[in-house]
Amino acid sequence: MKPFNSGGHAAYQDRVLTQLRKYYPDAANSLSSSTWDIMEKIWNLDLSELDVLMQDRYSSFGPVPRLPSDMLRSVLLSVEFKITSYTKWASDLKENHLHAILSGFQVGDTPGVGTFYDFFSRLWLSDKNNITEPIHPPKEEPQKPKGNEQKAPPVEKFTVKDLFLQFEEHA
């Protein structure tokens, strides 16, 4: 099935409020100010248009997928909370109810690692797997000094003087 978000961003905000009241009744006193800053950023971030943009990337058959807006919001939260491994983030969503709630998921119904990788494969618009080519040109071997007690020629392609001259010509 294709993802469908009937309520848009307001539905996300309602889900968050409902779950925060249930799992964090004393949130005003129990959460740190840095967490509140992150919560404010995510609260105001309307990603509901992404659900419409990515509908053609999902099949019409199969189980109901996670909303792309919730998946991207979760990825952005992982960056904010400085958890860069999706394996760790998926396990954190299961353990830390606040992260699951802010992502837009129901507590106890969070995506696994494979769901994040599936989401990224749908999000990626290129036929190539990477932005750059995987094969890089070989590095040049540094030259050795010509004689005893002499310096080897510089490895850098540009000296600082060359860079200053280029900067003066093209500010």
N, C-alpha and C. Protein backbone atom coordinates (compact mmCIF):
# COMPACT_ATOMS: atom_id res chain seq x y z
N MET A 1 0.83 -1.18 0.00
CA MET A 1 0.00 0.00 0.00
C MET A 1 0.88 1.24 0.00
N LYS A 2 0.33 2.30 -0.46
CA LYS A 2 1.05 3.57 -0.49
C LYS A 2 0.84 4.30 0.84
N PRO A 3 1.84 5.07 1.28
CA PRO A 3 1.66 5.82 2.53
C PRO A 3 0.63 6.92 2.34
N PHE A 4 -0.20 7.11 3.35
CA PHE A 4 -1.22 8.15 3.28
C PHE A 4 -1.33 8.81 4.65
N ASN A 5 -1.13 10.11 4.68
CA ASN A 5 -1.20 10.87 5.91
C ASN A 5 -2.43 11.77 5.83
N SER A 6 -3.51 11.33 6.43
CA SER A 6 -4.78 12.05 6.27
C SER A 6 -4.80 13.38 7.01
N GLY A 7 -4.11 13.49 8.11
CA GLY A 7 -4.21 14.71 8.91
C GLY A 7 -3.06 15.68 8.73
N GLY A 8 -2.03 15.27 8.00
CA GLY A 8 -0.87 16.14 7.80
C GLY A 8 -0.10 16.39 9.08
N HIS A 9 0.47 17.59 9.18
CA HIS A 9 1.32 17.94 10.32
C HIS A 9 0.50 18.04 11.61
N ALA A 10 -0.75 18.47 11.49
CA ALA A 10 -1.60 18.58 12.69
C ALA A 10 -1.84 17.20 13.31
N ALA A 11 -1.96 16.17 12.48
CA ALA A 11 -2.14 14.81 13.01
C ALA A 11 -0.89 14.36 13.77
N TYR A 12 0.29 14.70 13.23
CA TYR A 12 1.54 14.39 13.94
C TYR A 12 1.55 15.07 15.30
N GLN A 13 1.21 16.36 15.33
CA GLN A 13 1.24 17.11 16.59
C GLN A 13 0.24 16.54 17.59
N ASP A 14 -0.91 16.10 17.12
CA ASP A 14 -1.90 15.48 18.02
C ASP A 14 -1.36 14.17 18.60
N ARG A 15 -0.73 13.34 17.75
CA ARG A 15 -0.15 12.08 18.23
C ARG A 15 0.91 12.35 19.29
N VAL A 16 1.75 13.35 19.05
CA VAL A 16 2.81 13.66 20.00
C VAL A 16 2.22 14.13 21.33
N LEU A 17 1.27 15.04 21.28
CA LEU A 17 0.66 15.54 22.52
C LEU A 17 -0.01 14.43 23.31
N THR A 18 -0.75 13.58 22.63
CA THR A 18 -1.45 12.49 23.30
C THR A 18 -0.47 11.57 24.01
N GLN A 19 0.60 11.19 23.32
CA GLN A 19 1.57 10.26 23.92
C GLN A 19 2.42 10.94 24.99
N LEU A 20 2.76 12.22 24.80
CA LEU A 20 3.54 12.92 25.82
C LEU A 20 2.73 13.02 27.12
N ARG A 21 1.45 13.29 27.01
CA ARG A 21 0.61 13.36 28.22
C ARG A 21 0.52 12.01 28.92
N LYS A 22 0.54 10.95 28.12
CA LYS A 22 0.42 9.60 28.70
C LYS A 22 1.74 9.15 29.34
N TYR A 23 2.86 9.30 28.64
CA TYR A 23 4.13 8.76 29.11
C TYR A 23 4.99 9.75 29.88
N TYR A 24 4.75 11.05 29.70
CA TYR A 24 5.53 12.07 30.39
C TYR A 24 4.58 13.12 30.97
N PRO A 25 3.81 12.76 32.00
CA PRO A 25 2.86 13.72 32.55
C PRO A 25 3.53 14.93 33.19
N ASP A 26 4.77 14.77 33.66
CA ASP A 26 5.50 15.88 34.28
C ASP A 26 6.67 16.29 33.38
N ALA A 27 6.41 16.43 32.08
CA ALA A 27 7.48 16.72 31.11
C ALA A 27 8.12 18.07 31.36
N ALA A 28 7.37 19.03 31.85
CA ALA A 28 7.91 20.37 32.06
C ALA A 28 9.08 20.35 33.04
N ASN A 29 9.03 19.48 34.03
CA ASN A 29 10.09 19.42 35.04
C ASN A 29 11.10 18.30 34.78
N SER A 30 10.70 17.28 34.05
CA SER A 30 11.58 16.10 33.92
C SER A 30 12.51 16.15 32.71
N LEU A 31 12.23 17.00 31.72
CA LEU A 31 13.08 17.05 30.52
C LEU A 31 14.02 18.24 30.56
N SER A 32 15.23 18.04 30.05
CA SER A 32 16.23 19.11 30.08
C SER A 32 15.90 20.20 29.06
N SER A 33 16.55 21.34 29.22
CA SER A 33 16.29 22.47 28.31
C SER A 33 16.78 22.17 26.90
N SER A 34 17.86 21.40 26.77
CA SER A 34 18.35 21.05 25.43
C SER A 34 17.35 20.14 24.72
N THR A 35 16.70 19.26 25.48
CA THR A 35 15.67 18.40 24.89
C THR A 35 14.47 19.23 24.46
N TRP A 36 14.12 20.23 25.24
CA TRP A 36 13.00 21.10 24.86
C TRP A 36 13.33 21.88 23.59
N ASP A 37 14.60 22.29 23.42
CA ASP A 37 15.01 23.00 22.20
C ASP A 37 14.82 22.10 20.98
N ILE A 38 15.24 20.84 21.11
CA ILE A 38 15.09 19.88 20.01
C ILE A 38 13.60 19.63 19.74
N MET A 39 12.82 19.50 20.81
CA MET A 39 11.39 19.27 20.66
C MET A 39 10.72 20.44 19.92
N GLU A 40 11.15 21.65 20.22
CA GLU A 40 10.56 22.82 19.55
C GLU A 40 10.89 22.84 18.06
N LYS A 41 12.14 22.47 17.72
CA LYS A 41 12.52 22.41 16.31
C LYS A 41 11.65 21.40 15.55
N ILE A 42 11.53 20.21 16.13
CA ILE A 42 10.78 19.14 15.47
C ILE A 42 9.29 19.46 15.44
N TRP A 43 8.78 20.08 16.49
CA TRP A 43 7.36 20.42 16.55
C TRP A 43 6.97 21.35 15.40
N ASN A 44 7.83 22.28 15.05
CA ASN A 44 7.53 23.26 14.01
C ASN A 44 7.91 22.81 12.60
N LEU A 45 8.56 21.66 12.48
CA LEU A 45 9.04 21.17 11.18
C LEU A 45 7.94 20.38 10.48
N ASP A 46 7.33 20.99 9.48
CA ASP A 46 6.23 20.35 8.75
C ASP A 46 6.80 19.57 7.57
N LEU A 47 6.80 18.25 7.68
CA LEU A 47 7.32 17.37 6.62
C LEU A 47 6.20 16.63 5.89
N SER A 48 4.96 17.06 6.08
CA SER A 48 3.83 16.32 5.52
C SER A 48 3.83 16.32 3.99
N GLU A 49 4.45 17.30 3.36
CA GLU A 49 4.51 17.35 1.90
C GLU A 49 5.36 16.18 1.35
N LEU A 50 6.29 15.70 2.15
CA LEU A 50 7.13 14.58 1.74
C LEU A 50 6.31 13.32 1.50
N ASP A 51 5.24 13.15 2.26
CA ASP A 51 4.38 11.98 2.08
C ASP A 51 3.77 11.95 0.69
N VAL A 52 3.39 13.11 0.19
CA VAL A 52 2.82 13.21 -1.15
C VAL A 52 3.90 13.02 -2.21
N LEU A 53 5.06 13.64 -1.98
CA LEU A 53 6.15 13.56 -2.97
C LEU A 53 6.67 12.14 -3.16
N MET A 54 6.65 11.35 -2.11
CA MET A 54 7.24 10.01 -2.19
C MET A 54 6.23 8.89 -2.44
N GLN A 55 4.98 9.21 -2.68
CA GLN A 55 3.98 8.16 -2.87
C GLN A 55 4.29 7.24 -4.04
N ASP A 56 4.87 7.79 -5.11
CA ASP A 56 5.17 6.94 -6.28
C ASP A 56 6.33 6.00 -6.04
N ARG A 57 7.04 6.15 -4.96
CA ARG A 57 8.17 5.28 -4.64
C ARG A 57 7.74 4.03 -3.86
N TYR A 58 6.47 3.94 -3.53
CA TYR A 58 5.95 2.81 -2.77
C TYR A 58 5.02 1.98 -3.64
N SER A 59 4.94 0.71 -3.36
CA SER A 59 4.08 -0.20 -4.11
C SER A 59 2.63 -0.04 -3.67
N SER A 60 1.74 -0.39 -4.56
CA SER A 60 0.31 -0.36 -4.21
C SER A 60 -0.10 -1.60 -3.41
N PHE A 61 0.77 -2.59 -3.38
CA PHE A 61 0.48 -3.85 -2.69
C PHE A 61 1.34 -3.96 -1.44
N GLY A 62 0.98 -4.87 -0.59
CA GLY A 62 1.78 -5.14 0.59
C GLY A 62 1.25 -4.42 1.82
N PRO A 63 2.01 -4.51 2.92
CA PRO A 63 1.55 -3.90 4.17
C PRO A 63 1.64 -2.38 4.10
N VAL A 64 0.94 -1.74 4.98
CA VAL A 64 0.95 -0.27 5.05
C VAL A 64 2.34 0.17 5.51
N PRO A 65 3.02 1.03 4.74
CA PRO A 65 4.37 1.44 5.13
C PRO A 65 4.34 2.55 6.17
N ARG A 66 5.49 2.81 6.75
CA ARG A 66 5.65 3.95 7.66
C ARG A 66 5.57 5.22 6.82
N LEU A 67 5.11 6.28 7.42
CA LEU A 67 5.03 7.55 6.70
C LEU A 67 6.45 8.07 6.44
N PRO A 68 6.74 8.50 5.22
CA PRO A 68 8.06 9.06 4.94
C PRO A 68 8.39 10.27 5.82
N SER A 69 7.38 11.05 6.15
CA SER A 69 7.63 12.22 7.01
C SER A 69 8.11 11.78 8.39
N ASP A 70 7.53 10.70 8.93
CA ASP A 70 7.96 10.19 10.24
C ASP A 70 9.36 9.61 10.15
N MET A 71 9.66 8.93 9.05
CA MET A 71 11.00 8.34 8.89
C MET A 71 12.07 9.44 8.80
N LEU A 72 11.81 10.46 7.99
CA LEU A 72 12.79 11.55 7.87
C LEU A 72 12.90 12.32 9.17
N ARG A 73 11.79 12.54 9.85
CA ARG A 73 11.83 13.23 11.14
C ARG A 73 12.67 12.43 12.14
N SER A 74 12.54 11.11 12.10
CA SER A 74 13.31 10.26 12.99
C SER A 74 14.80 10.34 12.68
N VAL A 75 15.14 10.38 11.39
CA VAL A 75 16.55 10.51 11.00
C VAL A 75 17.10 11.85 11.49
N LEU A 76 16.33 12.90 11.33
CA LEU A 76 16.77 14.22 11.79
C LEU A 76 16.93 14.25 13.31
N LEU A 77 16.04 13.56 14.00
CA LEU A 77 16.18 13.47 15.46
C LEU A 77 17.43 12.70 15.86
N SER A 78 17.77 11.66 15.12
CA SER A 78 18.98 10.91 15.45
C SER A 78 20.21 11.80 15.30
N VAL A 79 20.18 12.69 14.35
CA VAL A 79 21.29 13.64 14.19
C VAL A 79 21.31 14.62 15.36
N GLU A 80 20.15 15.12 15.73
CA GLU A 80 20.07 16.07 16.85
C GLU A 80 20.54 15.44 18.17
N PHE A 81 20.19 14.18 18.37
CA PHE A 81 20.59 13.50 19.60
C PHE A 81 21.96 12.83 19.47
N LYS A 82 22.65 13.08 18.35
CA LYS A 82 24.02 12.61 18.11
C LYS A 82 24.16 11.08 18.15
N ILE A 83 23.19 10.40 17.56
CA ILE A 83 23.26 8.94 17.40
C ILE A 83 23.35 8.69 15.90
N THR A 84 24.55 8.36 15.42
CA THR A 84 24.78 8.28 13.98
C THR A 84 24.59 6.89 13.40
N SER A 85 24.52 5.88 14.22
CA SER A 85 24.32 4.52 13.74
C SER A 85 22.82 4.21 13.72
N TYR A 86 22.32 3.75 12.58
CA TYR A 86 20.90 3.44 12.51
C TYR A 86 20.56 2.18 13.31
N THR A 87 21.52 1.31 13.50
CA THR A 87 21.31 0.15 14.36
C THR A 87 21.07 0.62 15.80
N LYS A 88 21.92 1.54 16.26
CA LYS A 88 21.75 2.07 17.61
C LYS A 88 20.48 2.90 17.72
N TRP A 89 20.17 3.66 16.66
CA TRP A 89 18.97 4.50 16.70
C TRP A 89 17.70 3.64 16.75
N ALA A 90 17.67 2.56 15.96
CA ALA A 90 16.49 1.68 15.97
C ALA A 90 16.29 1.06 17.35
N SER A 91 17.38 0.67 17.99
CA SER A 91 17.26 0.10 19.33
C SER A 91 16.90 1.18 20.34
N ASP A 92 17.40 2.40 20.13
CA ASP A 92 17.08 3.51 21.03
C ASP A 92 15.59 3.88 20.94
N LEU A 93 15.03 3.79 19.74
CA LEU A 93 13.60 4.08 19.59
C LEU A 93 12.74 3.10 20.39
N LYS A 94 13.21 1.85 20.51
CA LYS A 94 12.47 0.85 21.27
C LYS A 94 12.60 1.10 22.78
N GLU A 95 13.76 1.61 23.20
CA GLU A 95 14.02 1.81 24.63
C GLU A 95 13.59 3.18 25.14
N ASN A 96 13.80 4.21 24.35
CA ASN A 96 13.53 5.58 24.78
C ASN A 96 12.20 6.04 24.18
N HIS A 97 11.18 6.07 25.00
CA HIS A 97 9.85 6.43 24.51
C HIS A 97 9.80 7.84 23.94
N LEU A 98 10.56 8.75 24.51
CA LEU A 98 10.53 10.14 24.05
C LEU A 98 10.98 10.25 22.59
N HIS A 99 12.03 9.53 22.24
CA HIS A 99 12.53 9.57 20.86
C HIS A 99 11.50 8.98 19.89
N ALA A 100 10.85 7.92 20.30
CA ALA A 100 9.81 7.32 19.44
C ALA A 100 8.64 8.28 19.27
N ILE A 101 8.24 8.92 20.36
CA ILE A 101 7.11 9.84 20.31
C ILE A 101 7.42 11.03 19.41
N LEU A 102 8.59 11.62 19.59
CA LEU A 102 8.97 12.79 18.78
C LEU A 102 9.12 12.44 17.31
N SER A 103 9.51 11.20 17.02
CA SER A 103 9.63 10.77 15.63
C SER A 103 8.26 10.64 14.97
N GLY A 104 7.25 10.44 15.77
CA GLY A 104 5.90 10.29 15.22
C GLY A 104 5.40 8.86 15.28
N PHE A 105 6.15 7.97 15.93
CA PHE A 105 5.76 6.56 16.03
C PHE A 105 5.02 6.32 17.33
N GLN A 106 4.22 5.28 17.34
CA GLN A 106 3.55 4.86 18.56
C GLN A 106 4.57 4.13 19.43
N VAL A 107 4.49 4.31 20.72
CA VAL A 107 5.39 3.60 21.64
C VAL A 107 5.12 2.11 21.49
N GLY A 108 6.18 1.34 21.30
CA GLY A 108 6.05 -0.11 21.11
C GLY A 108 5.89 -0.51 19.65
N ASP A 109 5.75 0.45 18.76
CA ASP A 109 5.62 0.16 17.33
C ASP A 109 6.59 1.06 16.56
N THR A 110 7.88 0.75 16.68
CA THR A 110 8.91 1.56 16.05
C THR A 110 9.58 0.76 14.93
N PRO A 111 10.15 1.45 13.94
CA PRO A 111 10.78 0.73 12.82
C PRO A 111 12.10 0.08 13.22
N GLY A 112 12.43 -0.97 12.49
CA GLY A 112 13.71 -1.64 12.69
C GLY A 112 14.77 -1.03 11.78
N VAL A 113 15.96 -1.55 11.84
CA VAL A 113 17.08 -1.04 11.06
C VAL A 113 16.81 -1.14 9.56
N GLY A 114 16.26 -2.26 9.13
CA GLY A 114 15.99 -2.46 7.71
C GLY A 114 15.01 -1.45 7.15
N THR A 115 14.08 -0.98 7.97
CA THR A 115 13.12 0.02 7.52
C THR A 115 13.81 1.32 7.19
N PHE A 116 14.84 1.68 7.97
CA PHE A 116 15.59 2.91 7.68
C PHE A 116 16.34 2.77 6.36
N TYR A 117 16.95 1.61 6.13
CA TYR A 117 17.69 1.42 4.88
C TYR A 117 16.74 1.38 3.69
N ASP A 118 15.56 0.77 3.85
CA ASP A 118 14.55 0.78 2.79
C ASP A 118 14.11 2.21 2.48
N PHE A 119 13.94 3.01 3.53
CA PHE A 119 13.54 4.40 3.35
C PHE A 119 14.59 5.17 2.55
N PHE A 120 15.86 4.96 2.89
CA PHE A 120 16.92 5.67 2.17
C PHE A 120 17.03 5.24 0.72
N SER A 121 16.77 3.97 0.45
CA SER A 121 16.81 3.53 -0.95
C SER A 121 15.66 4.16 -1.73
N ARG A 122 14.54 4.40 -1.09
CA ARG A 122 13.43 5.09 -1.77
C ARG A 122 13.70 6.59 -1.90
N LEU A 123 14.38 7.15 -0.94
CA LEU A 123 14.66 8.59 -0.93
C LEU A 123 15.71 8.96 -1.97
N TRP A 124 16.64 8.05 -2.24
CA TRP A 124 17.76 8.31 -3.14
C TRP A 124 17.26 8.32 -4.58
N LEU A 125 17.45 9.42 -5.30
CA LEU A 125 16.89 9.57 -6.64
C LEU A 125 17.81 9.09 -7.75
N SER A 126 19.04 8.77 -7.44
CA SER A 126 20.01 8.43 -8.47
C SER A 126 20.06 6.92 -8.71
N ASP A 127 20.46 6.55 -9.93
CA ASP A 127 20.66 5.13 -10.23
C ASP A 127 21.94 4.62 -9.58
N LYS A 128 22.89 5.54 -9.34
CA LYS A 128 24.16 5.17 -8.72
C LYS A 128 23.99 5.05 -7.21
N ASN A 129 24.81 4.21 -6.59
CA ASN A 129 24.73 4.05 -5.15
C ASN A 129 25.39 5.18 -4.39
N ASN A 130 26.35 5.86 -5.01
CA ASN A 130 27.11 6.90 -4.33
C ASN A 130 27.13 8.18 -5.16
N ILE A 131 27.44 9.27 -4.52
CA ILE A 131 27.57 10.54 -5.24
C ILE A 131 28.84 10.53 -6.08
N THR A 132 29.91 10.02 -5.52
CA THR A 132 31.19 9.98 -6.22
C THR A 132 31.47 8.56 -6.70
N GLU A 133 32.39 8.46 -7.61
CA GLU A 133 32.78 7.14 -8.12
C GLU A 133 33.52 6.37 -7.02
N PRO A 134 33.30 5.06 -6.91
CA PRO A 134 33.97 4.30 -5.86
C PRO A 134 35.46 4.09 -6.13
N ILE A 135 35.88 4.21 -7.39
CA ILE A 135 37.29 4.01 -7.71
C ILE A 135 37.95 5.38 -7.80
N HIS A 136 38.95 5.58 -6.98
CA HIS A 136 39.65 6.85 -6.94
C HIS A 136 41.00 6.69 -7.63
N PRO A 137 41.53 7.78 -8.20
CA PRO A 137 42.85 7.68 -8.81
C PRO A 137 43.91 7.37 -7.76
N PRO A 138 44.94 6.63 -8.15
CA PRO A 138 45.97 6.27 -7.16
C PRO A 138 46.72 7.51 -6.68
N LYS A 139 47.15 7.46 -5.43
CA LYS A 139 47.90 8.57 -4.87
C LYS A 139 49.31 8.57 -5.45
N GLU A 140 49.85 9.77 -5.61
CA GLU A 140 51.23 9.88 -6.10
C GLU A 140 52.19 9.58 -4.95
N GLU A 141 53.21 8.80 -5.26
CA GLU A 141 54.22 8.49 -4.25
C GLU A 141 55.10 9.70 -4.03
N PRO A 142 55.40 10.07 -2.78
CA PRO A 142 56.28 11.21 -2.54
C PRO A 142 57.70 10.88 -3.00
N GLN A 143 58.33 11.88 -3.58
CA GLN A 143 59.70 11.69 -4.06
C GLN A 143 60.68 11.73 -2.89
N LYS A 144 61.76 10.99 -3.03
CA LYS A 144 62.79 10.95 -1.99
C LYS A 144 63.83 12.03 -2.28
N PRO A 145 64.55 12.47 -1.25
CA PRO A 145 65.58 13.50 -1.47
C PRO A 145 66.68 12.98 -2.41
N LYS A 146 67.28 13.92 -3.16
CA LYS A 146 68.30 13.55 -4.15
C LYS A 146 69.62 13.13 -3.48
N GLY A 147 70.00 13.77 -2.42
CA GLY A 147 71.27 13.44 -1.78
C GLY A 147 71.14 13.48 -0.27
N ASN A 148 72.29 13.30 0.40
CA ASN A 148 72.29 13.33 1.86
C ASN A 148 72.01 14.74 2.36
N GLU A 149 71.30 14.80 3.47
CA GLU A 149 70.97 16.06 4.15
C GLU A 149 70.27 17.07 3.25
N GLN A 150 69.46 16.59 2.35
CA GLN A 150 68.66 17.48 1.51
C GLN A 150 67.17 17.18 1.74
N LYS A 151 66.36 18.19 1.46
CA LYS A 151 64.92 18.03 1.63
C LYS A 151 64.33 17.39 0.39
N ALA A 152 63.29 16.64 0.59
CA ALA A 152 62.54 16.09 -0.53
C ALA A 152 61.69 17.21 -1.13
N PRO A 153 61.36 17.13 -2.41
CA PRO A 153 60.48 18.15 -3.00
C PRO A 153 59.10 18.10 -2.32
N PRO A 154 58.39 19.24 -2.28
CA PRO A 154 57.10 19.27 -1.58
C PRO A 154 56.07 18.34 -2.22
N VAL A 155 55.24 17.75 -1.37
CA VAL A 155 54.21 16.83 -1.83
C VAL A 155 52.99 17.61 -2.33
N GLU A 156 52.74 18.77 -1.72
CA GLU A 156 51.57 19.57 -2.08
C GLU A 156 51.67 20.04 -3.52
N LYS A 157 50.54 20.12 -4.17
CA LYS A 157 50.53 20.57 -5.56
C LYS A 157 50.64 22.08 -5.63
N PHE A 158 50.19 22.77 -4.59
CA PHE A 158 50.25 24.22 -4.53
C PHE A 158 50.99 24.63 -3.27
N THR A 159 51.75 25.68 -3.37
CA THR A 159 52.34 26.26 -2.18
C THR A 159 51.40 27.35 -1.69
N VAL A 160 51.64 27.84 -0.50
CA VAL A 160 50.81 28.90 0.04
C VAL A 160 50.92 30.15 -0.83
N LYS A 161 52.10 30.39 -1.36
CA LYS A 161 52.29 31.55 -2.23
C LYS A 161 51.41 31.43 -3.48
N ASP A 162 51.35 30.24 -4.06
CA ASP A 162 50.49 30.03 -5.23
C ASP A 162 49.02 30.28 -4.89
N LEU A 163 48.60 29.82 -3.71
CA LEU A 163 47.21 30.02 -3.31
C LEU A 163 46.90 31.51 -3.12
N PHE A 164 47.85 32.27 -2.53
CA PHE A 164 47.63 33.70 -2.38
C PHE A 164 47.55 34.40 -3.73
N LEU A 165 48.39 33.98 -4.67
CA LEU A 165 48.33 34.58 -6.00
C LEU A 165 46.99 34.28 -6.68
N GLN A 166 46.49 33.07 -6.53
CA GLN A 166 45.18 32.73 -7.10
C GLN A 166 44.07 33.53 -6.43
N PHE A 167 44.20 33.72 -5.13
CA PHE A 167 43.18 34.47 -4.41
C PHE A 167 43.16 35.94 -4.84
N GLU A 168 44.35 36.52 -5.08
CA GLU A 168 44.41 37.91 -5.54
C GLU A 168 43.79 38.07 -6.93
N GLU A 169 43.98 37.07 -7.79
CA GLU A 169 43.41 37.15 -9.13
C GLU A 169 41.91 36.91 -9.13
N HIS A 170 41.45 35.95 -8.35
CA HIS A 170 40.03 35.58 -8.29
C HIS A 170 39.56 35.63 -6.85
N ALA A 171 39.17 36.79 -6.40
CA ALA A 171 38.82 36.97 -5.00
C ALA A 171 37.61 36.14 -4.61
